[in-house]
Amino acid sequence: MNLLRECIKELLKEQNVQAAGMCFPFAYQKADEWFENHFIKGKPGRAPQKHRDLNNKDKFKVVHGTVTNKWKSPPKPIVHGWVEMGDLVFDDQTKMTKPDGIDKEVYYDMYQPEVYKEFTAEEAIVNCVKYGGEGPWDDELYAMHQKRDAWMNESQVREYIITLLKEAQAQEVTYDKYGRPDPTPSDFAFMKEYKSLTEENPIGFQGDRYWYMGEIDGKYCLVITSIEIDLDRGGIYFNSIQTVPPDVCEGQGFASKVMNKVTGLADKHGVNLRLQASAFGQKSVSDEELISWYKRAGFEQTDPDYSEILTRQPQ
């Protein structure tokens, strides 16, 4: 299923569709919790009471707008909703990795939010009832959101996915006949240690993780990697590696440092790595130059029909 997963993922990248779509319900839930904690319902002979911070946007607000994954090429804004509580940002995609919030300055630097509308907790609840949903409630954002989803109904995309599904079904028949490689304890041990050394990219594609490499000119330099267990062929599949922001942090050797860490982990746990070399990003790097870079890390071209497919055995 890796082929199917990779192709559909490329479609999602091309349309800049966010992997997770629960940002607006999450923001509304936070508003509902804030409201419940700052509003006392009236009783017979007693009026309801609002806490002074109930509608204080400096303390709590739901924000609707766009965020931009500037490290994807080309960077495009994505309709999004989040919550700001003072100097902290709470986001659906970080609720597991950053349950106590993200520093607002860091969030704004990394994801370049453009604010369209801000709501108090009370306004969020009223709008949810008024519009019959958790958002977006702004006409322009709603139109952008609908346009984002409309591409999935295009006949060309639908037919393409049907074709991929048929190919995947044929592959399943092969697995039924000859067997599928099961993940090994070494594969799981590699992934466990890899995840312990990285942080989940809060706004990006599912599976993206980042390595913090320091600061240059006030910018946080990160290396984004996407690595997973290869359920089709065994071992580890290396989806991608990219240094961000490229205009400041590329050319500093950060990707090579991360690659050395990844290959070191592979050697430590005795697992093979597999990837498809494809250049992307803002700086001009040819596929040939990229393949040479991977070869210096120990990868080899093992399929004569697909020169961009590289594998690396543990050393």
C-alpha atoms as a PDB file:
ATOM      1  CA  MET A   1       0.000   0.000   0.000  1.00  0.00           C
ATOM      2  CA  ASN A   2       2.996   2.352   0.098  1.00  0.00           C
ATOM      3  CA  LEU A   3       2.510   3.284  -3.574  1.00  0.00           C
ATOM      4  CA  LEU A   4      -1.126   4.171  -2.964  1.00  0.00           C
ATOM      5  CA  ARG A   5      -0.313   6.059   0.194  1.00  0.00           C
ATOM      6  CA  GLU A   6       2.520   8.004  -1.455  1.00  0.00           C
ATOM      7  CA  CYS A   7       0.468   8.951  -4.518  1.00  0.00           C
ATOM      8  CA  ILE A   8      -2.524  10.129  -2.527  1.00  0.00           C
ATOM      9  CA  LYS A   9      -0.186  11.995  -0.211  1.00  0.00           C
ATOM     10  CA  GLU A  10       1.250  13.793  -3.229  1.00  0.00           C
ATOM     11  CA  LEU A  11      -2.274  14.744  -4.255  1.00  0.00           C
ATOM     12  CA  LEU A  12      -2.897  16.135  -0.814  1.00  0.00           C
ATOM     13  CA  LYS A  13       0.377  18.060  -0.939  1.00  0.00           C
ATOM     14  CA  GLU A  14      -0.479  19.503  -4.329  1.00  0.00           C
ATOM     15  CA  GLN A  15      -3.830  20.755  -3.092  1.00  0.00           C
ATOM     16  CA  ASN A  16      -2.339  21.750   0.267  1.00  0.00           C
ATOM     17  CA  VAL A  17      -5.004  19.865   2.184  1.00  0.00           C
ATOM     18  CA  GLN A  18      -4.357  19.657   5.876  1.00  0.00           C
ATOM     19  CA  ALA A  19      -3.979  16.167   7.267  1.00  0.00           C
ATOM     20  CA  ALA A  20      -6.252  16.767  10.216  1.00  0.00           C
ATOM     21  CA  GLY A  21      -9.592  18.565   9.875  1.00  0.00           C
ATOM     22  CA  MET A  22     -10.790  18.936  13.462  1.00  0.00           C
ATOM     23  CA  CYS A  23      -9.352  22.368  14.203  1.00  0.00           C
ATOM     24  CA  PHE A  24     -12.692  24.192  14.364  1.00  0.00           C
ATOM     25  CA  PRO A  25     -14.456  21.643  16.612  1.00  0.00           C
ATOM     26  CA  PHE A  26     -11.379  21.662  18.863  1.00  0.00           C
ATOM     27  CA  ALA A  27     -11.424  25.473  19.146  1.00  0.00           C
ATOM     28  CA  TYR A  28     -15.158  25.424  19.872  1.00  0.00           C
ATOM     29  CA  GLN A  29     -14.673  22.791  22.576  1.00  0.00           C
ATOM     30  CA  LYS A  30     -12.077  24.989  24.264  1.00  0.00           C
ATOM     31  CA  ALA A  31     -14.527  27.908  24.099  1.00  0.00           C
ATOM     32  CA  ASP A  32     -17.263  25.786  25.651  1.00  0.00           C
ATOM     33  CA  GLU A  33     -14.930  24.773  28.483  1.00  0.00           C
ATOM     34  CA  TRP A  34     -13.931  28.400  29.096  1.00  0.00           C
ATOM     35  CA  PHE A  35     -17.571  29.480  29.111  1.00  0.00           C
ATOM     36  CA  GLU A  36     -18.551  26.744  31.581  1.00  0.00           C
ATOM     37  CA  ASN A  37     -15.758  27.797  33.926  1.00  0.00           C
ATOM     38  CA  HIS A  38     -16.576  31.515  33.744  1.00  0.00           C
ATOM     39  CA  PHE A  39     -20.376  31.619  33.745  1.00  0.00           C
ATOM     40  CA  ILE A  40     -22.740  30.795  36.597  1.00  0.00           C
ATOM     41  CA  LYS A  41     -26.256  29.965  35.514  1.00  0.00           C
ATOM     42  CA  GLY A  42     -29.110  31.836  37.089  1.00  0.00           C
ATOM     43  CA  LYS A  43     -31.322  30.307  39.734  1.00  0.00           C
ATOM     44  CA  PRO A  44     -34.782  31.263  40.960  1.00  0.00           C
ATOM     45  CA  GLY A  45     -34.429  34.738  42.412  1.00  0.00           C
ATOM     46  CA  ARG A  46     -30.790  35.002  41.358  1.00  0.00           C
ATOM     47  CA  ALA A  47     -29.459  36.394  38.066  1.00  0.00           C
ATOM     48  CA  PRO A  48     -26.745  34.601  36.100  1.00  0.00           C
ATOM     49  CA  GLN A  49     -23.223  35.827  36.725  1.00  0.00           C
ATOM     50  CA  LYS A  50     -20.432  36.328  34.222  1.00  0.00           C
ATOM     51  CA  HIS A  51     -16.853  36.221  35.383  1.00  0.00           C
ATOM     52  CA  ARG A  52     -14.957  39.375  34.391  1.00  0.00           C
ATOM     53  CA  ASP A  53     -12.606  37.294  32.220  1.00  0.00           C
ATOM     54  CA  LEU A  54     -15.383  35.528  30.312  1.00  0.00           C
ATOM     55  CA  ASN A  55     -15.180  37.864  27.324  1.00  0.00           C
ATOM     56  CA  ASN A  56     -11.664  39.196  27.872  1.00  0.00           C
ATOM     57  CA  LYS A  57      -9.825  38.430  24.621  1.00  0.00           C
ATOM     58  CA  ASP A  58      -6.504  39.036  26.325  1.00  0.00           C
ATOM     59  CA  LYS A  59      -7.295  35.966  28.421  1.00  0.00           C
ATOM     60  CA  PHE A  60      -9.119  33.789  25.894  1.00  0.00           C
ATOM     61  CA  LYS A  61     -10.173  33.995  22.257  1.00  0.00           C
ATOM     62  CA  VAL A  62     -11.024  31.713  19.382  1.00  0.00           C
ATOM     63  CA  VAL A  63      -9.160  32.728  16.239  1.00  0.00           C
ATOM     64  CA  HIS A  64     -10.194  31.865  12.688  1.00  0.00           C
ATOM     65  CA  GLY A  65      -7.854  32.523   9.796  1.00  0.00           C
ATOM     66  CA  THR A  66      -5.146  30.782   7.829  1.00  0.00           C
ATOM     67  CA  VAL A  67      -1.798  29.215   8.628  1.00  0.00           C
ATOM     68  CA  THR A  68       0.977  28.660   6.120  1.00  0.00           C
ATOM     69  CA  ASN A  69       3.326  25.717   6.071  1.00  0.00           C
ATOM     70  CA  LYS A  70       6.077  27.888   4.607  1.00  0.00           C
ATOM     71  CA  TRP A  71       8.415  24.916   4.305  1.00  0.00           C
ATOM     72  CA  LYS A  72       6.325  23.266   1.619  1.00  0.00           C
ATOM     73  CA  SER A  73       6.939  24.326  -1.950  1.00  0.00           C
ATOM     74  CA  PRO A  74       5.078  26.392  -2.892  1.00  0.00           C
ATOM     75  CA  PRO A  75       3.816  27.600   0.495  1.00  0.00           C
ATOM     76  CA  LYS A  76       0.052  28.103   0.542  1.00  0.00           C
ATOM     77  CA  PRO A  77      -2.308  29.302   3.270  1.00  0.00           C
ATOM     78  CA  ILE A  78      -4.610  26.745   4.889  1.00  0.00           C
ATOM     79  CA  VAL A  79      -7.935  27.627   6.509  1.00  0.00           C
ATOM     80  CA  HIS A  80      -7.512  26.990  10.208  1.00  0.00           C
ATOM     81  CA  GLY A  81      -8.897  27.650  13.664  1.00  0.00           C
ATOM     82  CA  TRP A  82      -7.039  27.849  16.969  1.00  0.00           C
ATOM     83  CA  VAL A  83      -7.280  29.260  20.491  1.00  0.00           C
ATOM     84  CA  GLU A  84      -5.115  31.908  22.125  1.00  0.00           C
ATOM     85  CA  MET A  85      -4.905  32.207  25.888  1.00  0.00           C
ATOM     86  CA  GLY A  86      -2.556  35.025  26.771  1.00  0.00           C
ATOM     87  CA  ASP A  87       0.890  34.134  25.424  1.00  0.00           C
ATOM     88  CA  LEU A  88      -0.049  30.541  24.615  1.00  0.00           C
ATOM     89  CA  VAL A  89      -1.663  28.987  21.545  1.00  0.00           C
ATOM     90  CA  PHE A  90      -3.745  25.811  21.688  1.00  0.00           C
ATOM     91  CA  ASP A  91      -4.200  23.908  18.435  1.00  0.00           C
ATOM     92  CA  ASP A  92      -5.946  20.647  17.567  1.00  0.00           C
ATOM     93  CA  GLN A  93      -2.821  19.279  15.914  1.00  0.00           C
ATOM     94  CA  THR A  94      -0.691  19.891  19.002  1.00  0.00           C
ATOM     95  CA  LYS A  95      -3.143  18.740  21.652  1.00  0.00           C
ATOM     96  CA  MET A  96      -1.259  15.466  22.118  1.00  0.00           C
ATOM     97  CA  THR A  97       2.331  16.706  21.856  1.00  0.00           C
ATOM     98  CA  LYS A  98       1.796  20.160  23.408  1.00  0.00           C
ATOM     99  CA  PRO A  99      -1.269  19.826  25.659  1.00  0.00           C
ATOM    100  CA  ASP A 100      -0.186  22.845  27.735  1.00  0.00           C
ATOM    101  CA  GLY A 101       0.022  25.094  24.686  1.00  0.00           C
ATOM    102  CA  ILE A 102       2.697  26.544  22.406  1.00  0.00           C
ATOM    103  CA  ASP A 103       4.431  29.852  22.966  1.00  0.00           C
ATOM    104  CA  LYS A 104       2.563  32.379  20.818  1.00  0.00           C
ATOM    105  CA  GLU A 105       5.713  33.972  19.423  1.00  0.00           C
ATOM    106  CA  VAL A 106       7.054  30.576  18.334  1.00  0.00           C
ATOM    107  CA  TYR A 107       3.705  29.588  16.805  1.00  0.00           C
ATOM    108  CA  TYR A 108       3.421  32.814  14.806  1.00  0.00           C
ATOM    109  CA  ASP A 109       7.015  32.599  13.579  1.00  0.00           C
ATOM    110  CA  MET A 110       6.706  28.995  12.443  1.00  0.00           C
ATOM    111  CA  TYR A 111       3.231  29.013  10.902  1.00  0.00           C
ATOM    112  CA  GLN A 112       2.673  32.645   9.881  1.00  0.00           C
ATOM    113  CA  PRO A 113      -1.004  32.844  10.851  1.00  0.00           C
ATOM    114  CA  GLU A 114      -3.186  35.446   9.189  1.00  0.00           C
ATOM    115  CA  VAL A 115      -6.050  36.363  11.494  1.00  0.00           C
ATOM    116  CA  TYR A 116      -9.447  36.902   9.871  1.00  0.00           C
ATOM    117  CA  LYS A 117     -11.759  36.904  12.891  1.00  0.00           C
ATOM    118  CA  GLU A 118     -11.432  36.748  16.676  1.00  0.00           C
ATOM    119  CA  PHE A 119     -14.225  35.592  18.979  1.00  0.00           C
ATOM    120  CA  THR A 120     -14.809  35.514  22.702  1.00  0.00           C
ATOM    121  CA  ALA A 121     -15.955  32.211  24.160  1.00  0.00           C
ATOM    122  CA  GLU A 122     -19.514  33.538  24.353  1.00  0.00           C
ATOM    123  CA  GLU A 123     -19.440  34.737  20.733  1.00  0.00           C
ATOM    124  CA  ALA A 124     -18.133  31.347  19.611  1.00  0.00           C
ATOM    125  CA  ILE A 125     -21.043  29.548  21.280  1.00  0.00           C
ATOM    126  CA  VAL A 126     -23.584  31.976  19.819  1.00  0.00           C
ATOM    127  CA  ASN A 127     -22.120  31.632  16.319  1.00  0.00           C
ATOM    128  CA  CYS A 128     -22.131  27.850  16.555  1.00  0.00           C
ATOM    129  CA  VAL A 129     -25.888  27.956  17.231  1.00  0.00           C
ATOM    130  CA  LYS A 130     -26.498  30.674  14.636  1.00  0.00           C
ATOM    131  CA  TYR A 131     -24.612  28.995  11.787  1.00  0.00           C
ATOM    132  CA  GLY A 132     -25.179  25.381  12.794  1.00  0.00           C
ATOM    133  CA  GLY A 133     -21.531  24.393  13.067  1.00  0.00           C
ATOM    134  CA  GLU A 134     -18.214  25.016  14.790  1.00  0.00           C
ATOM    135  CA  GLY A 135     -16.828  27.119  11.939  1.00  0.00           C
ATOM    136  CA  PRO A 136     -15.586  28.794   9.917  1.00  0.00           C
ATOM    137  CA  TRP A 137     -18.238  31.525  10.239  1.00  0.00           C
ATOM    138  CA  ASP A 138     -16.616  34.130   8.004  1.00  0.00           C
ATOM    139  CA  ASP A 139     -17.931  34.023   4.407  1.00  0.00           C
ATOM    140  CA  GLU A 140     -14.490  34.347   2.833  1.00  0.00           C
ATOM    141  CA  LEU A 141     -12.952  31.646   4.996  1.00  0.00           C
ATOM    142  CA  TYR A 142     -15.945  29.390   4.440  1.00  0.00           C
ATOM    143  CA  ALA A 143     -15.563  29.771   0.662  1.00  0.00           C
ATOM    144  CA  MET A 144     -11.853  28.928   0.920  1.00  0.00           C
ATOM    145  CA  HIS A 145     -12.687  25.900   3.047  1.00  0.00           C
ATOM    146  CA  GLN A 146     -15.280  24.659   0.544  1.00  0.00           C
ATOM    147  CA  LYS A 147     -12.884  25.163  -2.354  1.00  0.00           C
ATOM    148  CA  ARG A 148     -10.274  23.150  -0.502  1.00  0.00           C
ATOM    149  CA  ASP A 149     -12.656  20.205  -0.178  1.00  0.00           C
ATOM    150  CA  ALA A 150     -14.227  20.478  -3.640  1.00  0.00           C
ATOM    151  CA  TRP A 151     -11.206  19.050  -5.450  1.00  0.00           C
ATOM    152  CA  MET A 152     -11.896  15.632  -3.935  1.00  0.00           C
ATOM    153  CA  ASN A 153     -15.092  15.439  -6.001  1.00  0.00           C
ATOM    154  CA  GLU A 154     -13.343  16.088  -9.315  1.00  0.00           C
ATOM    155  CA  SER A 155     -13.837  13.155 -11.666  1.00  0.00           C
ATOM    156  CA  GLN A 156     -10.170  13.051 -12.718  1.00  0.00           C
ATOM    157  CA  VAL A 157      -8.979  12.737  -9.132  1.00  0.00           C
ATOM    158  CA  ARG A 158     -11.705  10.222  -8.347  1.00  0.00           C
ATOM    159  CA  GLU A 159     -10.776   8.053 -11.339  1.00  0.00           C
ATOM    160  CA  TYR A 160      -7.104   8.254 -10.432  1.00  0.00           C
ATOM    161  CA  ILE A 161      -7.761   7.072  -6.892  1.00  0.00           C
ATOM    162  CA  ILE A 162      -9.953   4.227  -8.225  1.00  0.00           C
ATOM    163  CA  THR A 163      -7.053   3.141 -10.426  1.00  0.00           C
ATOM    164  CA  LEU A 164      -4.675   3.216  -7.476  1.00  0.00           C
ATOM    165  CA  LEU A 165      -7.111   1.199  -5.386  1.00  0.00           C
ATOM    166  CA  LYS A 166      -7.284  -1.457  -8.102  1.00  0.00           C
ATOM    167  CA  GLU A 167      -3.491  -1.619  -8.171  1.00  0.00           C
ATOM    168  CA  ALA A 168      -3.448  -1.942  -4.402  1.00  0.00           C
ATOM    169  CA  GLN A 169      -6.013  -4.754  -4.541  1.00  0.00           C
ATOM    170  CA  ALA A 170      -3.848  -6.584  -7.064  1.00  0.00           C
ATOM    171  CA  GLN A 171      -0.903  -6.137  -4.704  1.00  0.00           C
ATOM    172  CA  GLU A 172      -2.977  -7.612  -1.875  1.00  0.00           C
ATOM    173  CA  VAL A 173      -3.557 -10.724  -3.993  1.00  0.00           C
ATOM    174  CA  THR A 174       0.207 -11.063  -4.326  1.00  0.00           C
ATOM    175  CA  TYR A 175       0.602 -10.731  -0.563  1.00  0.00           C
ATOM    176  CA  ASP A 176      -2.066 -13.372   0.020  1.00  0.00           C
ATOM    177  CA  LYS A 177      -0.143 -15.750  -2.238  1.00  0.00           C
ATOM    178  CA  TYR A 178       3.414 -15.075  -1.146  1.00  0.00           C
ATOM    179  CA  GLY A 179       3.033 -13.426   2.235  1.00  0.00           C
ATOM    180  CA  ARG A 180       3.687  -9.944   3.573  1.00  0.00           C
ATOM    181  CA  PRO A 181       6.816  -9.023   5.534  1.00  0.00           C
ATOM    182  CA  ASP A 182       5.911  -8.404   9.156  1.00  0.00           C
ATOM    183  CA  PRO A 183       7.506  -5.521  11.074  1.00  0.00           C
ATOM    184  CA  THR A 184      10.313  -6.763  13.271  1.00  0.00           C
ATOM    185  CA  PRO A 185      11.160  -5.810  16.864  1.00  0.00           C
ATOM    186  CA  SER A 186      14.149  -3.961  15.401  1.00  0.00           C
ATOM    187  CA  ASP A 187      11.826  -1.864  13.213  1.00  0.00           C
ATOM    188  CA  PHE A 188       9.754  -0.881  16.240  1.00  0.00           C
ATOM    189  CA  ALA A 189      12.858  -0.157  18.322  1.00  0.00           C
ATOM    190  CA  PHE A 190      14.214   2.096  15.574  1.00  0.00           C
ATOM    191  CA  MET A 191      10.936   4.045  15.350  1.00  0.00           C
ATOM    192  CA  LYS A 192      10.694   4.392  19.122  1.00  0.00           C
ATOM    193  CA  GLU A 193      14.165   5.910  19.406  1.00  0.00           C
ATOM    194  CA  TYR A 194      13.635   8.061  16.302  1.00  0.00           C
ATOM    195  CA  LYS A 195      10.489   9.556  17.826  1.00  0.00           C
ATOM    196  CA  SER A 196      12.277  10.146  21.132  1.00  0.00           C
ATOM    197  CA  LEU A 197      14.858  12.313  19.320  1.00  0.00           C
ATOM    198  CA  THR A 198      12.326  14.382  17.364  1.00  0.00           C
ATOM    199  CA  GLU A 199       9.163  16.404  17.869  1.00  0.00           C
ATOM    200  CA  GLU A 200       5.921  16.013  15.941  1.00  0.00           C
ATOM    201  CA  ASN A 201       5.425  18.788  13.423  1.00  0.00           C
ATOM    202  CA  PRO A 202       2.209  20.320  14.803  1.00  0.00           C
ATOM    203  CA  ILE A 203       1.006  21.752  11.517  1.00  0.00           C
ATOM    204  CA  GLY A 204       2.115  19.685   8.588  1.00  0.00           C
ATOM    205  CA  PHE A 205       1.487  16.331   7.030  1.00  0.00           C
ATOM    206  CA  GLN A 206       0.857  13.293   9.145  1.00  0.00           C
ATOM    207  CA  GLY A 207       4.148  11.658  10.054  1.00  0.00           C
ATOM    208  CA  ASP A 208       6.262  14.797   9.751  1.00  0.00           C
ATOM    209  CA  ARG A 209       8.650  15.289  12.665  1.00  0.00           C
ATOM    210  CA  TYR A 210      11.299  17.920  13.240  1.00  0.00           C
ATOM    211  CA  TRP A 211      14.833  18.186  14.604  1.00  0.00           C
ATOM    212  CA  TYR A 212      15.690  21.537  16.181  1.00  0.00           C
ATOM    213  CA  MET A 213      19.101  22.695  14.904  1.00  0.00           C
ATOM    214  CA  GLY A 214      19.436  26.105  16.570  1.00  0.00           C
ATOM    215  CA  GLU A 215      18.880  29.700  15.437  1.00  0.00           C
ATOM    216  CA  ILE A 216      20.300  31.806  12.606  1.00  0.00           C
ATOM    217  CA  ASP A 217      19.452  35.507  12.360  1.00  0.00           C
ATOM    218  CA  GLY A 218      16.626  35.023  14.846  1.00  0.00           C
ATOM    219  CA  LYS A 219      15.043  32.172  12.845  1.00  0.00           C
ATOM    220  CA  TYR A 220      14.512  28.679  14.207  1.00  0.00           C
ATOM    221  CA  CYS A 221      16.312  26.173  11.971  1.00  0.00           C
ATOM    222  CA  LEU A 222      14.580  22.801  11.715  1.00  0.00           C
ATOM    223  CA  VAL A 223      15.085  19.662   9.703  1.00  0.00           C
ATOM    224  CA  ILE A 224      11.749  18.048   8.857  1.00  0.00           C
ATOM    225  CA  THR A 225      11.795  14.279   8.303  1.00  0.00           C
ATOM    226  CA  SER A 226       9.061  11.789   7.516  1.00  0.00           C
ATOM    227  CA  ILE A 227      10.003   8.201   8.335  1.00  0.00           C
ATOM    228  CA  GLU A 228       7.806   5.132   8.835  1.00  0.00           C
ATOM    229  CA  ILE A 229       7.887   1.352   8.921  1.00  0.00           C
ATOM    230  CA  ASP A 230       7.686  -0.022   5.372  1.00  0.00           C
ATOM    231  CA  LEU A 231       4.710  -2.357   5.643  1.00  0.00           C
ATOM    232  CA  ASP A 232       5.065  -3.494   2.021  1.00  0.00           C
ATOM    233  CA  ARG A 233       8.719  -4.440   1.797  1.00  0.00           C
ATOM    234  CA  GLY A 234       9.951  -4.547   5.373  1.00  0.00           C
ATOM    235  CA  GLY A 235      12.443  -2.252   7.042  1.00  0.00           C
ATOM    236  CA  ILE A 236      12.095   1.522   7.246  1.00  0.00           C
ATOM    237  CA  TYR A 237      10.808   3.871   4.540  1.00  0.00           C
ATOM    238  CA  PHE A 238      12.408   7.324   4.465  1.00  0.00           C
ATOM    239  CA  ASN A 239       9.738   9.581   2.932  1.00  0.00           C
ATOM    240  CA  SER A 240      11.478  12.950   3.001  1.00  0.00           C
ATOM    241  CA  ILE A 241      14.041  15.262   4.584  1.00  0.00           C
ATOM    242  CA  GLN A 242      14.061  19.061   4.292  1.00  0.00           C
ATOM    243  CA  THR A 243      15.744  21.972   6.056  1.00  0.00           C
ATOM    244  CA  VAL A 244      13.516  24.934   6.933  1.00  0.00           C
ATOM    245  CA  PRO A 245      13.297  27.822   6.488  1.00  0.00           C
ATOM    246  CA  PRO A 246      15.373  27.142   3.363  1.00  0.00           C
ATOM    247  CA  ASP A 247      16.350  30.739   2.634  1.00  0.00           C
ATOM    248  CA  VAL A 248      18.187  31.010   5.970  1.00  0.00           C
ATOM    249  CA  CYS A 249      19.031  27.498   7.114  1.00  0.00           C
ATOM    250  CA  GLU A 250      19.857  25.491   3.989  1.00  0.00           C
ATOM    251  CA  GLY A 251      23.533  25.042   3.202  1.00  0.00           C
ATOM    252  CA  GLN A 252      24.547  24.825   6.865  1.00  0.00           C
ATOM    253  CA  GLY A 253      24.998  21.043   6.919  1.00  0.00           C
ATOM    254  CA  PHE A 254      21.931  20.474   9.124  1.00  0.00           C
ATOM    255  CA  ALA A 255      20.379  17.841   6.838  1.00  0.00           C
ATOM    256  CA  SER A 256      23.670  15.933   6.726  1.00  0.00           C
ATOM    257  CA  LYS A 257      23.852  15.941  10.531  1.00  0.00           C
ATOM    258  CA  VAL A 258      20.323  14.545  10.756  1.00  0.00           C
ATOM    259  CA  MET A 259      21.031  11.971   8.064  1.00  0.00           C
ATOM    260  CA  ASN A 260      24.047  10.777  10.065  1.00  0.00           C
ATOM    261  CA  LYS A 261      21.808  10.404  13.119  1.00  0.00           C
ATOM    262  CA  VAL A 262      19.189   8.443  11.155  1.00  0.00           C
ATOM    263  CA  THR A 263      21.715   6.115   9.536  1.00  0.00           C
ATOM    264  CA  GLY A 264      23.403   5.682  12.909  1.00  0.00           C
ATOM    265  CA  LEU A 265      20.078   4.583  14.379  1.00  0.00           C
ATOM    266  CA  ALA A 266      19.561   2.186  11.465  1.00  0.00           C
ATOM    267  CA  ASP A 267      22.994   0.648  12.062  1.00  0.00           C
ATOM    268  CA  LYS A 268      22.369   0.442  15.801  1.00  0.00           C
ATOM    269  CA  HIS A 269      19.084  -1.435  15.365  1.00  0.00           C
ATOM    270  CA  GLY A 270      20.103  -3.403  12.264  1.00  0.00           C
ATOM    271  CA  VAL A 271      17.362  -2.163   9.947  1.00  0.00           C
ATOM    272  CA  ASN A 272      17.495  -1.335   6.255  1.00  0.00           C
ATOM    273  CA  LEU A 273      16.352   2.037   4.881  1.00  0.00           C
ATOM    274  CA  ARG A 274      14.571   2.657   1.596  1.00  0.00           C
ATOM    275  CA  LEU A 275      13.647   5.905  -0.159  1.00  0.00           C
ATOM    276  CA  GLN A 276      12.743   7.538  -3.437  1.00  0.00           C
ATOM    277  CA  ALA A 277      15.072  10.420  -4.264  1.00  0.00           C
ATOM    278  CA  SER A 278      13.136  13.464  -5.439  1.00  0.00           C
ATOM    279  CA  ALA A 279      14.404  17.018  -5.042  1.00  0.00           C
ATOM    280  CA  PHE A 280      12.083  19.706  -3.681  1.00  0.00           C
ATOM    281  CA  GLY A 281      12.427  22.983  -1.843  1.00  0.00           C
ATOM    282  CA  GLN A 282      13.434  26.507  -2.749  1.00  0.00           C
ATOM    283  CA  LYS A 283      17.091  25.956  -3.576  1.00  0.00           C
ATOM    284  CA  SER A 284      17.955  24.339  -6.855  1.00  0.00           C
ATOM    285  CA  VAL A 285      19.118  20.776  -6.276  1.00  0.00           C
ATOM    286  CA  SER A 286      18.912  18.290  -9.114  1.00  0.00           C
ATOM    287  CA  ASP A 287      17.809  14.705  -8.623  1.00  0.00           C
ATOM    288  CA  GLU A 288      21.315  13.610  -9.635  1.00  0.00           C
ATOM    289  CA  GLU A 289      22.907  15.777  -6.929  1.00  0.00           C
ATOM    290  CA  LEU A 290      20.423  14.453  -4.394  1.00  0.00           C
ATOM    291  CA  ILE A 291      21.157  10.849  -5.332  1.00  0.00           C
ATOM    292  CA  SER A 292      24.889  11.531  -4.918  1.00  0.00           C
ATOM    293  CA  TRP A 293      24.184  13.002  -1.475  1.00  0.00           C
ATOM    294  CA  TYR A 294      22.255   9.878  -0.445  1.00  0.00           C
ATOM    295  CA  LYS A 295      25.018   7.640  -1.770  1.00  0.00           C
ATOM    296  CA  ARG A 296      27.529   9.397   0.478  1.00  0.00           C
ATOM    297  CA  ALA A 297      25.283   8.335   3.371  1.00  0.00           C
ATOM    298  CA  GLY A 298      25.521   4.686   2.293  1.00  0.00           C
ATOM    299  CA  PHE A 299      22.460   4.344   0.046  1.00  0.00           C
ATOM    300  CA  GLU A 300      22.700   2.346  -3.186  1.00  0.00           C
ATOM    301  CA  GLN A 301      20.681   2.090  -6.394  1.00  0.00           C
ATOM    302  CA  THR A 302      19.398  -1.481  -6.419  1.00  0.00           C
ATOM    303  CA  ASP A 303      16.620  -1.348  -9.026  1.00  0.00           C
ATOM    304  CA  PRO A 304      17.890  -0.821 -12.611  1.00  0.00           C
ATOM    305  CA  ASP A 305      14.406   0.187 -13.776  1.00  0.00           C
ATOM    306  CA  TYR A 306      13.990   2.885 -11.119  1.00  0.00           C
ATOM    307  CA  SER A 307      17.211   4.806 -10.583  1.00  0.00           C
ATOM    308  CA  GLU A 308      15.606   7.082  -8.000  1.00  0.00           C
ATOM    309  CA  ILE A 309      14.853   4.151  -5.648  1.00  0.00           C
ATOM    310  CA  LEU A 310      17.679   3.796  -3.142  1.00  0.00           C
ATOM    311  CA  THR A 311      18.253   1.373  -0.280  1.00  0.00           C
ATOM    312  CA  ARG A 312      20.753   1.208   2.552  1.00  0.00           C
ATOM    313  CA  GLN A 313      21.712  -1.921   4.452  1.00  0.00           C
ATOM    314  CA  PRO A 314      22.830  -1.654   8.103  1.00  0.00           C
ATOM    315  CA  GLN A 315      26.567  -1.299   8.477  1.00  0.00           C
END
